[in-house]
C-alpha atoms as a PDB file:
ATOM      1  CA  UNK A   1      -7.617  35.536   1.783  1.00  0.00           C
ATOM      2  CA  UNK A   2      -5.912  36.776   4.923  1.00  0.00           C
ATOM      3  CA  UNK A   3      -2.162  36.047   4.803  1.00  0.00           C
ATOM      4  CA  UNK A   4      -1.806  36.504   8.545  1.00  0.00           C
ATOM      5  CA  UNK A   5      -4.182  33.628   9.344  1.00  0.00           C
ATOM      6  CA  UNK A   6      -2.693  31.391   6.685  1.00  0.00           C
ATOM      7  CA  UNK A   7       0.800  31.944   8.086  1.00  0.00           C
ATOM      8  CA  UNK A   8      -0.389  31.350  11.650  1.00  0.00           C
ATOM      9  CA  UNK A   9      -2.221  28.157  10.678  1.00  0.00           C
ATOM     10  CA  UNK A  10       0.845  26.864   8.816  1.00  0.00           C
ATOM     11  CA  UNK A  11       3.130  27.675  11.769  1.00  0.00           C
ATOM     12  CA  UNK A  12       0.733  26.003  14.193  1.00  0.00           C
ATOM     13  CA  UNK A  13       0.484  22.836  12.074  1.00  0.00           C
ATOM     14  CA  UNK A  14       4.288  22.731  11.895  1.00  0.00           C
ATOM     15  CA  UNK A  15       4.586  23.247  15.672  1.00  0.00           C
ATOM     16  CA  UNK A  16       1.980  20.579  16.395  1.00  0.00           C
ATOM     17  CA  UNK A  17       3.658  18.099  14.087  1.00  0.00           C
ATOM     18  CA  UNK A  18       6.942  18.467  15.955  1.00  0.00           C
ATOM     19  CA  UNK A  19       5.323  18.536  19.399  1.00  0.00           C
ATOM     20  CA  UNK A  20       3.281  15.402  18.684  1.00  0.00           C
ATOM     21  CA  UNK A  21       6.392  13.599  17.449  1.00  0.00           C
ATOM     22  CA  UNK A  22       8.475  14.583  20.499  1.00  0.00           C
ATOM     23  CA  UNK A  23       5.736  13.750  23.025  1.00  0.00           C
ATOM     24  CA  UNK A  24       4.685  10.611  21.157  1.00  0.00           C
ATOM     25  CA  UNK A  25       8.242   9.301  21.077  1.00  0.00           C
ATOM     26  CA  UNK A  26       8.198   9.345  24.889  1.00  0.00           C
ATOM     27  CA  UNK A  27       5.247   6.905  25.047  1.00  0.00           C
ATOM     28  CA  UNK A  28       7.261   3.764  24.342  1.00  0.00           C
ATOM     29  CA  UNK A  29      11.010   3.253  24.005  1.00  0.00           C
ATOM     30  CA  UNK A  30      10.520   0.458  21.464  1.00  0.00           C
ATOM     31  CA  UNK A  31       8.791   2.489  18.771  1.00  0.00           C
ATOM     32  CA  UNK A  32       8.698   6.088  17.541  1.00  0.00           C
ATOM     33  CA  UNK A  33       5.649   7.961  16.275  1.00  0.00           C
ATOM     34  CA  UNK A  34       7.016   7.869  12.710  1.00  0.00           C
ATOM     35  CA  UNK A  35       7.573   4.101  12.981  1.00  0.00           C
ATOM     36  CA  UNK A  36       4.044   3.750  14.358  1.00  0.00           C
ATOM     37  CA  UNK A  37       2.621   5.657  11.399  1.00  0.00           C
ATOM     38  CA  UNK A  38       4.490   3.402   8.948  1.00  0.00           C
ATOM     39  CA  UNK A  39       3.157   0.303  10.721  1.00  0.00           C
ATOM     40  CA  UNK A  40      -0.356   1.753  10.825  1.00  0.00           C
ATOM     41  CA  UNK A  41      -0.108   2.571   7.127  1.00  0.00           C
ATOM     42  CA  UNK A  42       0.962  -0.995   6.312  1.00  0.00           C
ATOM     43  CA  UNK A  43      -2.113  -2.185   8.241  1.00  0.00           C
ATOM     44  CA  UNK A  44      -4.319   0.073   6.094  1.00  0.00           C
ATOM     45  CA  UNK A  45      -2.982  -1.234   2.786  1.00  0.00           C
ATOM     46  CA  UNK A  46      -4.288  -4.412   1.139  1.00  0.00           C
ATOM     47  CA  UNK A  47      -2.357  -7.517   2.144  1.00  0.00           C
ATOM     48  CA  UNK A  48       0.690  -8.188  -0.070  1.00  0.00           C
ATOM     49  CA  UNK A  49       0.461  -4.631  -1.359  1.00  0.00           C
ATOM     50  CA  UNK A  50       2.526  -2.664   1.163  1.00  0.00           C
ATOM     51  CA  UNK A  51       5.445  -1.407  -0.899  1.00  0.00           C
ATOM     52  CA  UNK A  52       7.739   1.522  -0.158  1.00  0.00           C
ATOM     53  CA  UNK A  53       5.940   3.699  -2.706  1.00  0.00           C
ATOM     54  CA  UNK A  54       2.416   2.831  -1.546  1.00  0.00           C
ATOM     55  CA  UNK A  55       3.367   3.585   2.064  1.00  0.00           C
ATOM     56  CA  UNK A  56       5.021   6.862   1.025  1.00  0.00           C
ATOM     57  CA  UNK A  57       1.972   7.901  -1.023  1.00  0.00           C
ATOM     58  CA  UNK A  58      -0.423   7.279   1.861  1.00  0.00           C
ATOM     59  CA  UNK A  59       1.832   9.056   4.369  1.00  0.00           C
ATOM     60  CA  UNK A  60       2.623  12.002   2.099  1.00  0.00           C
ATOM     61  CA  UNK A  61       6.385  11.578   2.361  1.00  0.00           C
ATOM     62  CA  UNK A  62       9.233  10.332   0.195  1.00  0.00           C
ATOM     63  CA  UNK A  63      10.015   6.728  -0.611  1.00  0.00           C
ATOM     64  CA  UNK A  64      13.535   7.284   0.789  1.00  0.00           C
ATOM     65  CA  UNK A  65      12.071   8.440   4.105  1.00  0.00           C
ATOM     66  CA  UNK A  66       9.881   5.326   4.298  1.00  0.00           C
ATOM     67  CA  UNK A  67      12.823   3.091   3.374  1.00  0.00           C
ATOM     68  CA  UNK A  68      14.887   4.581   6.197  1.00  0.00           C
ATOM     69  CA  UNK A  69      12.098   3.917   8.724  1.00  0.00           C
ATOM     70  CA  UNK A  70      11.481   0.403   7.359  1.00  0.00           C
ATOM     71  CA  UNK A  71      15.215  -0.359   7.665  1.00  0.00           C
ATOM     72  CA  UNK A  72      15.122   0.539  11.372  1.00  0.00           C
ATOM     73  CA  UNK A  73      11.949  -1.536  11.863  1.00  0.00           C
ATOM     74  CA  UNK A  74      13.554  -4.477  10.076  1.00  0.00           C
ATOM     75  CA  UNK A  75      16.607  -4.307  12.386  1.00  0.00           C
ATOM     76  CA  UNK A  76      14.211  -4.649  15.336  1.00  0.00           C
ATOM     77  CA  UNK A  77      12.520  -7.636  13.643  1.00  0.00           C
ATOM     78  CA  UNK A  78       9.237  -5.697  13.451  1.00  0.00           C
ATOM     79  CA  UNK A  79       8.811  -6.091   9.697  1.00  0.00           C
ATOM     80  CA  UNK A  80       9.694  -8.637   7.030  1.00  0.00           C
ATOM     81  CA  UNK A  81      10.542  -7.814   3.431  1.00  0.00           C
ATOM     82  CA  UNK A  82       9.323 -10.226   0.758  1.00  0.00           C
ATOM     83  CA  UNK A  83       9.398 -10.214  -3.023  1.00  0.00           C
ATOM     84  CA  UNK A  84       6.104  -9.344  -4.644  1.00  0.00           C
ATOM     85  CA  UNK A  85       4.895 -12.313  -6.677  1.00  0.00           C
ATOM     86  CA  UNK A  86       3.076 -10.124  -9.220  1.00  0.00           C
ATOM     87  CA  UNK A  87       5.785  -7.478  -9.635  1.00  0.00           C
ATOM     88  CA  UNK A  88       9.308  -8.845  -9.197  1.00  0.00           C
ATOM     89  CA  UNK A  89      10.708  -5.316  -8.838  1.00  0.00           C
ATOM     90  CA  UNK A  90       8.476  -4.535  -5.847  1.00  0.00           C
ATOM     91  CA  UNK A  91       8.946  -5.492  -2.214  1.00  0.00           C
ATOM     92  CA  UNK A  92       6.056  -6.362   0.118  1.00  0.00           C
ATOM     93  CA  UNK A  93       6.500  -5.216   3.681  1.00  0.00           C
ATOM     94  CA  UNK A  94       4.786  -7.290   6.360  1.00  0.00           C
ATOM     95  CA  UNK A  95       4.475  -6.743  10.081  1.00  0.00           C
ATOM     96  CA  UNK A  96       5.785  -9.545  12.303  1.00  0.00           C
ATOM     97  CA  UNK A  97       3.675 -11.218  14.981  1.00  0.00           C
ATOM     98  CA  UNK A  98       5.879  -9.857  17.779  1.00  0.00           C
ATOM     99  CA  UNK A  99       5.469  -6.345  16.405  1.00  0.00           C
ATOM    100  CA  UNK A 100       1.678  -6.715  16.335  1.00  0.00           C
ATOM    101  CA  UNK A 101       1.799  -7.299  20.098  1.00  0.00           C
ATOM    102  CA  UNK A 102       3.864  -4.120  20.553  1.00  0.00           C
ATOM    103  CA  UNK A 103       1.422  -2.261  18.291  1.00  0.00           C
ATOM    104  CA  UNK A 104      -1.444  -3.305  20.544  1.00  0.00           C
ATOM    105  CA  UNK A 105       0.313  -1.900  23.598  1.00  0.00           C
ATOM    106  CA  UNK A 106       1.276   1.269  21.741  1.00  0.00           C
ATOM    107  CA  UNK A 107      -2.293   1.672  20.488  1.00  0.00           C
ATOM    108  CA  UNK A 108      -3.583   1.768  24.060  1.00  0.00           C
ATOM    109  CA  UNK A 109      -0.975   4.337  25.111  1.00  0.00           C
ATOM    110  CA  UNK A 110      -1.601   6.326  21.937  1.00  0.00           C
ATOM    111  CA  UNK A 111      -5.342   6.502  22.521  1.00  0.00           C
ATOM    112  CA  UNK A 112      -4.761   7.941  25.986  1.00  0.00           C
ATOM    113  CA  UNK A 113      -2.290  10.462  24.516  1.00  0.00           C
ATOM    114  CA  UNK A 114      -4.793  11.517  21.837  1.00  0.00           C
ATOM    115  CA  UNK A 115      -7.684  11.783  24.297  1.00  0.00           C
ATOM    116  CA  UNK A 116      -5.564  14.068  26.482  1.00  0.00           C
ATOM    117  CA  UNK A 117      -4.576  16.152  23.459  1.00  0.00           C
ATOM    118  CA  UNK A 118      -8.154  16.636  22.224  1.00  0.00           C
ATOM    119  CA  UNK A 119      -9.797  16.728  25.652  1.00  0.00           C
ATOM    120  CA  UNK A 120     -10.950  20.352  25.367  1.00  0.00           C
ATOM    121  CA  UNK A 121     -12.728  19.872  22.029  1.00  0.00           C
ATOM    122  CA  UNK A 122     -16.384  18.955  21.733  1.00  0.00           C
ATOM    123  CA  UNK A 123     -17.645  16.329  19.265  1.00  0.00           C
ATOM    124  CA  UNK A 124     -18.794  18.922  16.705  1.00  0.00           C
ATOM    125  CA  UNK A 125     -15.450  20.739  16.934  1.00  0.00           C
ATOM    126  CA  UNK A 126     -13.599  17.485  16.303  1.00  0.00           C
ATOM    127  CA  UNK A 127     -15.805  16.784  13.282  1.00  0.00           C
ATOM    128  CA  UNK A 128     -15.269  20.310  11.907  1.00  0.00           C
ATOM    129  CA  UNK A 129     -11.513  20.125  12.473  1.00  0.00           C
ATOM    130  CA  UNK A 130     -11.347  16.778  10.663  1.00  0.00           C
ATOM    131  CA  UNK A 131     -13.314  18.182   7.704  1.00  0.00           C
ATOM    132  CA  UNK A 132     -11.055  21.245   7.510  1.00  0.00           C
ATOM    133  CA  UNK A 133      -7.847  19.225   7.757  1.00  0.00           C
ATOM    134  CA  UNK A 134      -9.003  16.910   4.941  1.00  0.00           C
ATOM    135  CA  UNK A 135      -9.573  19.967   2.736  1.00  0.00           C
ATOM    136  CA  UNK A 136      -6.073  21.223   3.487  1.00  0.00           C
ATOM    137  CA  UNK A 137      -4.566  17.744   2.917  1.00  0.00           C
ATOM    138  CA  UNK A 138      -6.125  17.649  -0.550  1.00  0.00           C
ATOM    139  CA  UNK A 139      -5.152  21.174  -1.594  1.00  0.00           C
ATOM    140  CA  UNK A 140      -3.146  19.793  -4.517  1.00  0.00           C
ATOM    141  CA  UNK A 141      -5.849  17.460  -5.827  1.00  0.00           C
ATOM    142  CA  UNK A 142      -4.162  14.395  -4.318  1.00  0.00           C
ATOM    143  CA  UNK A 143      -7.485  12.984  -3.068  1.00  0.00           C
ATOM    144  CA  UNK A 144      -5.882  11.711   0.127  1.00  0.00           C
ATOM    145  CA  UNK A 145      -8.130   9.137   1.751  1.00  0.00           C
ATOM    146  CA  UNK A 146      -6.645   9.167   5.222  1.00  0.00           C
ATOM    147  CA  UNK A 147      -7.001   6.324   7.677  1.00  0.00           C
ATOM    148  CA  UNK A 148     -10.777   6.197   7.977  1.00  0.00           C
ATOM    149  CA  UNK A 149     -11.119   2.463   7.487  1.00  0.00           C
ATOM    150  CA  UNK A 150     -11.004   0.538  10.743  1.00  0.00           C
ATOM    151  CA  UNK A 151      -8.317  -2.131  10.732  1.00  0.00           C
ATOM    152  CA  UNK A 152      -7.266  -4.867  13.110  1.00  0.00           C
ATOM    153  CA  UNK A 153      -3.717  -3.906  14.073  1.00  0.00           C
ATOM    154  CA  UNK A 154      -3.232  -7.241  15.848  1.00  0.00           C
ATOM    155  CA  UNK A 155      -3.407  -9.160  12.576  1.00  0.00           C
ATOM    156  CA  UNK A 156      -5.244  -9.638   9.323  1.00  0.00           C
ATOM    157  CA  UNK A 157      -8.811 -10.903   9.173  1.00  0.00           C
END
């Protein structure tokens, strides 16, 4: 295995992560890319099952990081925290109706941003890149499922 390529790939992924966050944060003053990803993750979890730990697991980050982002979303009235009826120790995080409207607007801006970013790649290249990134994401046996399921960000059902 060629160390040079591995190091370059790692550095490029790191660079892209930061660049996407900086550029994405410019799309809408109401919401950051990290907040968007938390909201998108909540939308991908079963209803009444969006806890700090489940969000953190799906995003590949710490529970403390998710809690910090949720706290800022709660201050903006974008999410509600409710007790879980099945597990009294757990908190369910739900997206508010007003936030769903913002998510719809952000989704449109985000799609344009992504199309611009991937404009030079052909369909087969996109498919190959996705396959390769999934392999890297699961290097530790985590069996990450990603965000393949289509969800209605404007509301459940």
